[in-house]
Protein backbone atom coordinates (compact mmCIF):
# COMPACT_ATOMS: atom_id res chain seq x y z
CA MET A 1 -65.94 41.31 -45.60
CA ALA A 2 -67.26 38.36 -43.58
CA PHE A 3 -64.03 37.45 -41.71
CA SER A 4 -61.70 40.13 -40.40
CA PHE A 5 -58.69 37.79 -40.42
CA TRP A 6 -58.80 37.27 -44.20
CA LYS A 7 -55.91 38.91 -45.95
CA VAL A 8 -56.65 41.01 -49.03
CA ILE A 9 -53.79 41.25 -51.49
CA GLN A 10 -53.24 42.44 -55.02
CA THR A 11 -53.90 39.67 -57.46
CA ASP A 12 -50.70 40.35 -59.33
CA ASN A 13 -48.56 39.59 -56.29
CA ILE A 14 -48.27 35.84 -56.87
CA VAL A 15 -45.08 35.46 -54.84
CA ASP A 16 -46.66 36.97 -51.73
CA LEU A 17 -49.68 34.74 -52.21
CA LEU A 18 -47.46 31.66 -52.45
CA ILE A 19 -45.53 32.60 -49.31
CA ASN A 20 -48.69 33.13 -47.29
CA LEU A 21 -50.20 29.84 -48.43
CA ILE A 22 -47.00 28.01 -47.51
CA LYS A 23 -47.13 29.52 -44.02
CA ASN A 24 -50.69 28.30 -43.60
CA MET A 25 -49.80 24.88 -44.98
CA SER A 26 -46.94 24.55 -42.49
CA VAL A 27 -49.37 24.79 -39.58
CA ILE A 28 -51.42 21.89 -40.93
CA ILE A 29 -48.33 19.77 -41.59
CA VAL A 30 -47.02 20.29 -38.04
CA LEU A 31 -50.37 19.29 -36.57
CA ALA A 32 -50.60 16.34 -38.97
CA TYR A 33 -47.15 15.19 -37.87
CA VAL A 34 -48.35 15.07 -34.27
CA LEU A 35 -51.20 12.83 -35.42
CA THR A 36 -48.75 10.30 -36.89
CA ARG A 37 -48.12 9.19 -33.30
CA THR A 38 -51.77 8.25 -32.67
CA LYS A 39 -53.22 4.73 -32.61
CA ALA A 40 -54.97 5.30 -35.93
CA PHE A 41 -51.68 5.97 -37.65
CA ALA A 42 -50.02 3.09 -35.81
CA ALA A 43 -52.74 0.83 -37.20
CA MET A 44 -52.13 2.16 -40.71
CA THR A 45 -48.35 1.69 -40.59
CA ASN A 46 -48.77 -1.81 -39.17
CA LYS A 47 -51.09 -2.64 -42.07
CA GLN A 48 -53.95 -3.36 -39.71
CA ALA A 49 -57.56 -2.57 -40.61
CA MET A 50 -58.75 0.72 -39.14
CA THR A 51 -61.97 0.66 -37.17
CA TRP A 52 -64.81 2.92 -38.27
CA GLN A 53 -64.26 4.91 -35.09
CA GLN A 54 -60.66 5.59 -36.10
CA LYS A 55 -61.72 6.56 -39.62
CA SER A 56 -64.41 8.85 -38.24
CA CYS A 57 -61.84 10.45 -35.99
CA LEU A 58 -59.54 11.02 -38.98
CA ALA A 59 -62.42 12.53 -40.93
CA LEU A 60 -63.23 14.91 -38.11
CA ILE A 61 -59.62 15.97 -37.51
CA PHE A 62 -58.77 16.52 -41.17
CA GLY A 63 -62.17 18.12 -41.73
CA VAL A 64 -61.18 20.70 -39.11
CA PHE A 65 -57.86 21.10 -40.96
CA SER A 66 -59.87 21.75 -44.10
CA ILE A 67 -61.88 24.44 -42.33
CA TYR A 68 -58.63 25.99 -41.15
CA GLY A 69 -57.43 25.93 -44.75
CA THR A 70 -60.45 28.05 -45.67
CA LEU A 71 -60.32 30.47 -42.75
CA SER A 72 -56.61 31.08 -43.21
CA GLY A 73 -57.11 31.62 -46.93
CA ILE A 74 -56.65 34.83 -48.84
CA ASN A 75 -59.68 36.69 -50.25
CA ILE A 76 -59.29 37.61 -53.89
CA ASN A 77 -62.31 39.32 -55.46
CA GLY A 78 -64.83 37.05 -53.70
CA ALA A 79 -62.77 33.86 -54.15
CA ILE A 80 -60.49 32.36 -51.51
CA ALA A 81 -56.97 31.19 -52.31
CA ASN A 82 -56.57 28.32 -49.84
CA ILE A 83 -55.20 24.92 -48.84
CA ARG A 84 -58.61 23.51 -48.00
CA ASP A 85 -58.26 20.38 -50.21
CA LEU A 86 -55.12 19.26 -48.39
CA GLY A 87 -56.93 17.95 -45.29
CA PRO A 88 -59.50 15.72 -47.08
CA ALA A 89 -56.86 14.47 -49.53
CA ILE A 90 -54.59 13.35 -46.66
CA ALA A 91 -57.54 11.78 -44.82
CA GLY A 92 -58.42 9.77 -47.93
CA LEU A 93 -54.85 8.63 -48.55
CA VAL A 94 -54.49 7.56 -44.92
CA GLY A 95 -57.91 6.18 -44.02
CA GLY A 96 -59.66 5.40 -47.28
CA PRO A 97 -62.87 6.71 -48.89
CA LEU A 98 -64.87 6.94 -45.66
CA ALA A 99 -62.32 9.14 -43.93
CA GLY A 100 -61.66 11.17 -47.08
CA ILE A 101 -65.30 11.87 -47.92
CA GLY A 102 -66.08 12.63 -44.27
CA ALA A 103 -63.33 15.22 -44.08
CA GLY A 104 -64.34 16.57 -47.49
CA LEU A 105 -67.96 17.02 -46.42
CA ILE A 106 -66.93 18.89 -43.28
CA GLY A 107 -64.63 21.22 -45.18
CA GLY A 108 -66.96 21.50 -48.19
CA ILE A 109 -70.11 22.33 -46.24
CA HIS A 110 -68.22 24.96 -44.28
CA ARG A 111 -66.94 26.51 -47.51
CA TYR A 112 -70.41 26.50 -49.09
CA SER A 113 -71.89 28.22 -46.03
CA MET A 114 -69.55 31.14 -46.58
CA GLY A 115 -70.90 31.80 -50.07
CA GLY A 116 -68.99 33.78 -52.62
CA LEU A 117 -68.28 33.53 -56.32
CA THR A 118 -66.64 30.08 -56.18
CA ALA A 119 -68.64 28.53 -53.33
CA VAL A 120 -70.18 25.65 -55.34
CA PRO A 121 -67.15 24.38 -57.33
CA CYS A 122 -64.77 24.84 -54.37
CA SER A 123 -67.11 22.97 -52.01
CA LEU A 124 -67.49 20.16 -54.56
CA SER A 125 -63.75 19.89 -55.16
CA THR A 126 -63.11 19.56 -51.42
CA VAL A 127 -65.39 16.52 -51.24
CA LEU A 128 -63.84 15.09 -54.40
CA ALA A 129 -60.31 15.53 -52.96
CA GLY A 130 -61.22 13.19 -50.10
CA LEU A 131 -62.97 10.75 -52.44
CA VAL A 132 -60.08 10.52 -54.90
CA GLY A 133 -57.56 10.19 -52.06
CA GLY A 134 -59.67 7.34 -50.67
CA LEU A 135 -59.84 5.63 -54.08
CA ILE A 136 -56.05 5.78 -54.30
CA TRP A 137 -55.88 4.23 -50.81
CA TYR A 138 -58.23 1.48 -52.03
CA TYR A 139 -56.13 0.90 -55.17
CA LYS A 140 -52.95 0.71 -53.07
CA LYS A 141 -54.65 -1.77 -50.71
CA GLY A 142 -54.19 0.42 -47.67
CA GLN A 143 -50.58 1.36 -48.35
CA PHE A 144 -49.71 5.02 -48.44
CA VAL A 145 -48.89 6.29 -51.92
CA SER A 146 -45.28 7.16 -52.73
CA ILE A 147 -44.00 10.70 -52.18
CA LYS A 148 -43.81 11.28 -55.92
CA GLY A 149 -47.27 9.81 -56.41
CA ALA A 150 -48.75 12.02 -53.67
CA VAL A 151 -47.25 15.17 -55.21
CA ILE A 152 -48.47 14.29 -58.70
CA PHE A 153 -51.94 13.44 -57.38
CA MET A 154 -52.30 16.74 -55.54
CA ALA A 155 -50.91 18.84 -58.37
CA LEU A 156 -53.28 17.24 -60.89
CA PHE A 157 -56.23 17.51 -58.54
CA GLU A 158 -55.64 21.22 -57.89
CA ALA A 159 -55.39 21.73 -61.64
CA PHE A 160 -58.76 19.96 -61.88
CA HIS A 161 -60.03 22.24 -59.10
CA MET A 162 -59.03 25.30 -61.17
CA GLY A 163 -60.66 23.87 -64.27
CA LEU A 164 -63.87 23.13 -62.37
CA ASN A 165 -64.09 26.79 -61.39
CA LEU A 166 -63.55 27.89 -64.98
CA VAL A 167 -66.34 25.61 -66.16
CA MET A 168 -68.93 26.37 -63.45
CA VAL A 169 -68.41 30.02 -62.47
CA ARG A 170 -69.75 32.96 -64.42
CA PRO A 171 -68.93 35.58 -65.61
CA PHE A 172 -65.99 33.80 -67.19
CA ASP A 173 -63.83 36.93 -67.48
CA GLN A 174 -63.94 37.48 -63.73
CA ILE A 175 -63.16 33.90 -62.74
CA TYR A 176 -60.42 33.71 -65.36
CA VAL A 177 -58.56 36.62 -63.77
CA ILE A 178 -58.86 35.00 -60.34
CA ILE A 179 -57.71 31.54 -61.53
CA LYS A 180 -54.84 33.10 -63.45
CA ASN A 181 -53.49 34.58 -60.21
CA VAL A 182 -54.22 31.77 -57.70
CA SER A 183 -53.73 28.60 -59.75
CA LEU A 184 -49.93 28.34 -59.57
CA PRO A 185 -49.62 29.22 -55.83
CA MET A 186 -52.45 26.84 -54.88
CA ILE A 187 -51.14 23.98 -57.00
CA CYS A 188 -47.59 24.39 -55.67
CA THR A 189 -48.59 24.82 -52.02
CA ASN A 190 -51.00 21.87 -51.88
CA ALA A 191 -48.59 19.62 -53.77
CA LEU A 192 -45.74 20.66 -51.48
CA GLY A 193 -47.85 20.09 -48.38
CA ILE A 194 -48.93 16.59 -49.30
CA GLY A 195 -45.37 15.79 -50.42
CA ILE A 196 -44.04 16.75 -46.99
CA PHE A 197 -46.74 14.72 -45.29
CA ALA A 198 -45.98 11.72 -47.51
CA PHE A 199 -42.33 12.06 -46.54
CA ILE A 200 -43.35 12.01 -42.85
CA ILE A 201 -45.51 8.93 -43.36
CA HIS A 202 -42.81 7.01 -45.21
CA ASN A 203 -40.29 7.86 -42.51
CA LEU A 204 -42.77 6.64 -39.92
CA VAL A 205 -43.23 3.36 -41.81
CA ARG A 206 -39.46 2.88 -41.99
CA GLU A 207 -39.20 3.68 -38.30
CA LYS A 208 -41.81 1.04 -37.48
CA GLU A 209 -40.06 -1.53 -39.67
CA THR A 210 -36.72 -0.72 -38.04
CA GLN A 211 -38.29 -1.09 -34.61
CA LYS A 212 -39.74 -4.47 -35.59
CA GLN A 213 -36.35 -5.63 -36.86
CA LYS A 214 -34.72 -4.39 -33.67
CA GLU A 215 -37.25 -6.24 -31.53
CA LEU A 216 -36.74 -9.38 -33.63
CA ILE A 217 -32.96 -9.18 -33.26
CA GLU A 218 -33.24 -8.49 -29.54
CA GLY A 219 -35.51 -11.51 -29.19
CA GLU A 220 -33.05 -13.70 -31.09
CA LEU A 221 -30.17 -12.40 -28.98
CA THR A 222 -32.11 -13.17 -25.83
CA VAL A 223 -32.54 -16.74 -27.03
CA ALA A 224 -28.85 -16.85 -27.97
CA ARG A 225 -27.94 -15.68 -24.46
CA GLU A 226 -30.11 -18.37 -22.92
CA ILE A 227 -28.49 -20.98 -25.15
CA GLN A 228 -25.00 -19.72 -24.31
CA MET A 229 -25.68 -19.73 -20.59
CA SER A 230 -27.12 -23.23 -20.86
CA ILE A 231 -23.86 -24.66 -22.19
CA VAL A 232 -21.79 -23.55 -19.20
CA PRO A 233 -22.33 -25.17 -15.78
CA LYS A 234 -24.67 -23.02 -13.72
CA ILE A 235 -25.98 -25.36 -11.03
CA PHE A 236 -24.02 -25.02 -7.81
CA PRO A 237 -22.73 -26.97 -6.05
CA PRO A 238 -22.11 -29.00 -9.23
CA PHE A 239 -20.85 -32.10 -7.41
CA PRO A 240 -22.81 -32.29 -4.15
CA GLY A 241 -21.45 -35.75 -3.44
CA ARG A 242 -17.84 -34.57 -3.53
CA PRO A 243 -16.98 -32.64 -0.35
CA GLU A 244 -13.25 -32.63 -1.14
CA PHE A 245 -13.51 -29.41 -3.15
CA ASP A 246 -15.78 -26.42 -3.68
CA ILE A 247 -16.15 -24.69 -7.03
CA PHE A 248 -18.17 -21.69 -8.13
CA ALA A 249 -18.25 -19.63 -11.34
CA VAL A 250 -19.96 -16.59 -12.82
CA LEU A 251 -20.22 -15.28 -16.39
CA GLU A 252 -21.64 -11.81 -17.10
CA PRO A 253 -21.55 -10.91 -20.83
CA ALA A 254 -21.08 -7.24 -21.70
CA LYS A 255 -23.59 -7.68 -24.53
CA GLU A 256 -26.52 -10.07 -24.88
CA VAL A 257 -24.00 -12.78 -25.69
CA GLY A 258 -20.26 -12.87 -25.15
CA GLY A 259 -17.06 -14.77 -25.78
CA ASP A 260 -15.98 -15.80 -22.27
CA LEU A 261 -16.23 -19.42 -21.25
CA TYR A 262 -15.64 -21.73 -18.33
CA ASP A 263 -16.19 -25.41 -17.71
CA PHE A 264 -15.38 -28.16 -15.25
CA PHE A 265 -16.04 -31.89 -15.32
CA LEU A 266 -14.74 -35.11 -13.80
CA LEU A 267 -12.30 -37.13 -15.91
CA ASP A 268 -12.57 -40.01 -13.45
CA ASP A 269 -13.32 -40.48 -9.79
CA ASP A 270 -10.12 -38.71 -8.71
CA HIS A 271 -9.51 -36.07 -11.38
CA LEU A 272 -11.35 -32.82 -12.08
CA CYS A 273 -10.66 -30.95 -15.32
CA PHE A 274 -11.40 -27.21 -15.23
CA THR A 275 -10.88 -24.38 -17.68
CA ILE A 276 -11.55 -20.69 -18.28
CA GLY A 277 -11.20 -18.80 -21.57
CA ASP A 278 -11.72 -15.50 -23.33
CA VAL A 279 -12.48 -15.26 -27.05
CA SER A 280 -11.30 -12.23 -29.03
CA GLY A 281 -14.13 -9.86 -29.87
CA LYS A 282 -17.66 -9.74 -28.51
CA GLY A 283 -21.20 -10.52 -29.54
CA VAL A 284 -22.55 -13.39 -31.61
CA PRO A 285 -19.30 -14.32 -33.47
CA ALA A 286 -17.42 -14.54 -30.17
CA SER A 287 -20.19 -16.61 -28.60
CA LEU A 288 -20.11 -19.10 -31.48
CA PHE A 289 -16.32 -19.40 -31.25
CA MET A 290 -16.70 -19.84 -27.50
CA ALA A 291 -19.17 -22.71 -27.98
CA VAL A 292 -16.85 -24.44 -30.45
CA THR A 293 -13.88 -24.04 -28.09
CA LYS A 294 -15.76 -25.39 -25.08
CA THR A 295 -17.01 -28.36 -27.10
CA LEU A 296 -13.52 -29.16 -28.38
CA ILE A 297 -11.99 -28.99 -24.90
CA LYS A 298 -14.52 -31.41 -23.50
CA ALA A 299 -14.08 -33.71 -26.50
CA LYS A 300 -10.26 -33.70 -26.32
CA ALA A 301 -9.90 -33.88 -22.51
CA ASP A 302 -8.71 -37.31 -21.43
CA ILE A 303 -7.09 -38.63 -18.25
CA ARG A 304 -4.27 -39.99 -20.41
CA LEU A 305 -3.40 -36.50 -21.73
CA ARG A 306 -1.61 -33.66 -19.97
CA PRO A 307 -3.19 -30.17 -20.07
CA ASP A 308 -0.58 -28.97 -22.60
CA GLU A 309 -1.46 -31.85 -24.93
CA ILE A 310 -5.16 -31.03 -24.64
CA LEU A 311 -4.54 -27.37 -25.50
CA CYS A 312 -2.33 -28.34 -28.44
CA ALA A 313 -5.03 -30.61 -29.89
CA VAL A 314 -7.74 -27.96 -29.43
CA ASN A 315 -5.50 -25.28 -30.94
CA ASN A 316 -4.90 -27.34 -34.09
CA ASP A 317 -8.63 -27.92 -34.56
CA LEU A 318 -9.44 -24.22 -34.05
CA CYS A 319 -6.80 -23.18 -36.59
CA GLU A 320 -8.42 -25.24 -39.35
CA ASP A 321 -10.55 -23.05 -41.65
CA ASN A 322 -10.36 -20.15 -39.17
CA ASP A 323 -11.05 -17.52 -41.82
CA SER A 324 -12.41 -15.13 -39.20
CA GLY A 325 -9.00 -14.88 -37.55
CA MET A 326 -10.54 -15.23 -34.09
CA PHE A 327 -8.59 -16.69 -31.19
CA VAL A 328 -9.14 -17.60 -27.55
CA THR A 329 -6.95 -17.37 -24.49
CA GLU A 330 -7.32 -20.47 -22.34
CA PHE A 331 -6.21 -21.69 -18.92
CA LEU A 332 -6.73 -25.41 -18.29
CA GLY A 333 -5.90 -27.51 -15.27
CA ILE A 334 -6.47 -30.97 -13.85
CA LEU A 335 -6.93 -31.38 -10.10
CA THR A 336 -6.04 -34.64 -8.39
CA ILE A 337 -8.85 -34.63 -5.86
CA SER A 338 -7.22 -36.93 -3.32
CA THR A 339 -4.03 -34.87 -3.00
CA GLY A 340 -4.85 -31.27 -4.03
CA GLU A 341 -2.20 -31.35 -6.74
CA ILE A 342 -2.93 -29.45 -9.95
CA VAL A 343 -1.24 -29.79 -13.31
CA TYR A 344 -2.02 -26.89 -15.59
CA SER A 345 -1.20 -25.21 -18.90
CA ASN A 346 -1.81 -21.65 -20.06
CA GLY A 347 -2.60 -20.47 -23.58
CA GLY A 348 -2.04 -16.74 -23.22
CA HIS A 349 -4.66 -16.27 -20.48
CA ASN A 350 -4.63 -13.98 -17.44
CA LEU A 351 -2.55 -15.51 -14.66
CA PRO A 352 -4.70 -16.93 -11.84
CA TYR A 353 -4.03 -16.35 -8.16
CA ILE A 354 -3.54 -18.87 -5.36
CA LEU A 355 -5.36 -17.63 -2.27
CA ARG A 356 -3.95 -19.44 0.75
CA ALA A 357 -5.93 -20.41 3.81
CA ASP A 358 -3.89 -18.00 5.93
CA GLY A 359 -4.97 -15.02 3.77
CA SER A 360 -1.80 -14.69 1.72
CA PHE A 361 -1.98 -14.88 -2.05
CA GLU A 362 0.32 -15.15 -5.03
CA MET A 363 0.01 -14.95 -8.79
CA LEU A 364 1.00 -18.02 -10.77
CA PRO A 365 4.31 -17.60 -12.61
CA ARG A 366 4.28 -16.75 -16.29
CA MET A 367 4.72 -19.60 -18.73
CA ALA A 368 5.02 -20.04 -22.49
CA GLY A 369 1.87 -20.56 -24.48
CA MET A 370 0.10 -18.66 -27.25
CA ALA A 371 -3.64 -18.07 -27.53
CA LEU A 372 -5.49 -20.90 -29.28
CA GLY A 373 -6.53 -20.50 -32.92
CA VAL A 374 -3.59 -18.34 -34.00
CA MET A 375 -1.16 -20.87 -35.48
CA GLU A 376 -1.10 -24.66 -35.77
CA GLU A 377 1.38 -26.89 -33.96
CA MET A 378 2.23 -24.32 -31.33
CA PRO A 379 3.99 -25.78 -28.27
CA TYR A 380 2.40 -25.55 -24.81
CA VAL A 381 4.01 -26.40 -21.49
CA CYS A 382 2.84 -27.79 -18.18
CA ALA A 383 3.43 -26.70 -14.61
CA ASP A 384 2.11 -27.92 -11.30
CA LEU A 385 1.03 -26.54 -7.96
CA LYS A 386 -0.47 -27.90 -4.78
CA LEU A 387 -3.53 -26.67 -2.96
CA ASN A 388 -3.67 -27.32 0.76
CA PRO A 389 -6.98 -27.55 2.59
CA GLY A 390 -8.59 -24.09 2.60
CA ASP A 391 -6.58 -22.83 -0.39
CA SER A 392 -8.36 -21.44 -3.48
CA LEU A 393 -7.35 -21.02 -7.10
CA VAL A 394 -8.91 -17.76 -8.38
CA MET A 395 -9.27 -17.62 -12.17
CA TYR A 396 -10.70 -14.71 -14.16
CA THR A 397 -10.85 -13.06 -17.58
CA ASP A 398 -9.54 -9.61 -18.47
CA GLY A 399 -13.06 -8.21 -18.09
CA VAL A 400 -12.31 -8.20 -14.36
CA THR A 401 -9.04 -6.27 -14.38
CA GLU A 402 -10.14 -4.06 -17.28
CA ALA A 403 -13.53 -3.13 -15.82
CA MET A 404 -13.80 0.63 -16.38
CA ASN A 405 -15.39 3.33 -14.28
CA GLU A 406 -16.97 6.58 -15.44
CA ALA A 407 -13.57 8.33 -15.42
CA GLY A 408 -12.10 5.75 -17.79
CA GLU A 409 -9.92 4.15 -15.07
CA LEU A 410 -9.37 0.37 -15.06
CA PHE A 411 -9.96 -1.92 -12.10
CA THR A 412 -6.43 -3.35 -12.58
CA GLU A 413 -4.64 -6.29 -10.98
CA ALA A 414 -3.73 -4.10 -8.02
CA ARG A 415 -7.38 -3.54 -7.10
CA LEU A 416 -8.09 -7.23 -7.67
CA GLU A 417 -5.32 -8.09 -5.22
CA ASN A 418 -6.78 -5.64 -2.70
CA SER A 419 -10.08 -7.49 -3.09
CA LEU A 420 -8.37 -10.85 -2.51
CA ALA A 421 -7.03 -9.70 0.84
CA GLY A 422 -9.37 -10.80 3.55
CA LEU A 423 -11.19 -13.47 1.54
CA ALA A 424 -9.64 -16.36 3.44
CA GLY A 425 -12.19 -18.53 5.20
CA GLN A 426 -14.97 -17.66 2.73
CA THR A 427 -16.59 -20.21 0.45
CA ALA A 428 -15.91 -20.19 -3.29
CA ARG A 429 -19.25 -18.48 -3.92
CA GLU A 430 -18.63 -15.86 -1.26
CA GLN A 431 -15.17 -15.11 -2.62
CA ILE A 432 -16.55 -14.44 -6.10
CA GLU A 433 -19.45 -12.37 -4.80
CA LEU A 434 -17.10 -10.20 -2.72
CA ILE A 435 -14.82 -9.61 -5.72
CA LEU A 436 -17.83 -8.74 -7.89
CA GLY A 437 -18.99 -6.35 -5.21
CA SER A 438 -15.64 -4.57 -5.33
CA ILE A 439 -15.86 -4.30 -9.12
CA ARG A 440 -19.39 -2.89 -9.05
CA LYS A 441 -18.44 -0.40 -6.36
CA PHE A 442 -15.55 0.74 -8.54
CA VAL A 443 -17.37 1.04 -11.89
CA LYS A 444 -20.58 2.46 -10.33
CA THR A 445 -22.94 3.42 -13.18
CA ALA A 446 -20.43 3.01 -16.02
CA LYS A 447 -21.52 0.68 -18.80
CA GLN A 448 -19.89 -2.74 -18.74
CA SER A 449 -17.19 -2.75 -21.41
CA ASP A 450 -16.19 -6.43 -21.47
CA ASP A 451 -17.41 -9.84 -20.40
CA ILE A 452 -16.71 -10.61 -16.75
CA THR A 453 -16.00 -14.24 -15.87
CA MET A 454 -14.53 -15.78 -12.73
CA VAL A 455 -14.00 -19.31 -11.47
CA VAL A 456 -12.87 -20.15 -7.95
CA LEU A 457 -11.73 -23.70 -7.12
CA GLN A 458 -11.36 -24.20 -3.37
CA TYR A 459 -9.70 -27.33 -2.04
CA ILE A 460 -11.29 -28.78 1.10
CA GLY A 461 -9.39 -32.05 1.30
CA GLY A 462 -10.22 -35.32 2.98
CA LYS A 463 -12.96 -37.79 2.22
């Protein structure tokens, strides 16, 4: 026998033959799977035209697979039960006629050189497997055939392969016995192999499409983040011609976009309106609700209205057609720049702190006021406070106090208060940066769980 690694089995043991062919086929499929990560396959799945170099490479690789299909075959009375046609068929389905015929010629010439009873028809069928696979590729305009289509194609072609042997090989009685024993195992194994490979290819295509959709969504979210950040003030100092106060703010969404908001603007030459809010939920819906809320606040704010009246008007507008059931907590105040007096109202938001110039601090007292967007005609109340020169009003969202570390512990108001101690004498920017530093030191490498927003309004006084 020409090759010592051929296995000789009894022709009546069809089950053993099938098992051995499946084992050999598995090797080819594993190697073919590795090839699905090459540039040639990337070009195919992206529906780009393959270069002739890529097609030649496919022909060579799958031609070697075809040779392996012969060498790992099982000798039966001078014929070889094999999976040789699988390589050229896959090459044709993936790369077209050029790749298919190239692989078929490599596998076919090798088979012919080995001689034997079925050398001519088996060599010819190997070339035809690549050609027919390529024609299917051409008919499908470069798209890989369906899993069902691939299985049917391979089963029919192997049946043709068996018939070609019956027609061309003599004596007929001898070839008939061989075909009777090898036809079913070869048809099943080759059909199964190409079916598995088709499944791999279709999964790869879906993976590429999913990746494209993911990249598209990520790109859109990046634009959405840029838009969101553009609608909150981000140039500091925002009022360089007004030395009576210092204001700084930061917004760090937990996702690409978030639901926190802040804003500040002059109502007239002596009054500054400022606000901070936190929309329920996260992501794109929260960011849209945030944009609507911010727009409404700026539209409703008027020097003739108190903060509670502004919140009431915004709340009523948000409640209209609010099918999503979203809401926003909101703190809004108006600073009289000449005196340091602040009138404020709170719609269910975290209570700010007053940081005094001497280093002491206190939380603002609780007051009635529901989150905006929950129910129309809800009452809001006003309160007032006075900032002396050097005092700061520290406002924040619950992303600060609920920042979580790797152990699942929260930053809490207590840790925030520890951070406030010693901030006296710092600018508004420095105060925020020091608080953020404490938060980052606490959470370490834990993933940010909520939007983090802070606004510090520091009263300087004098003109």
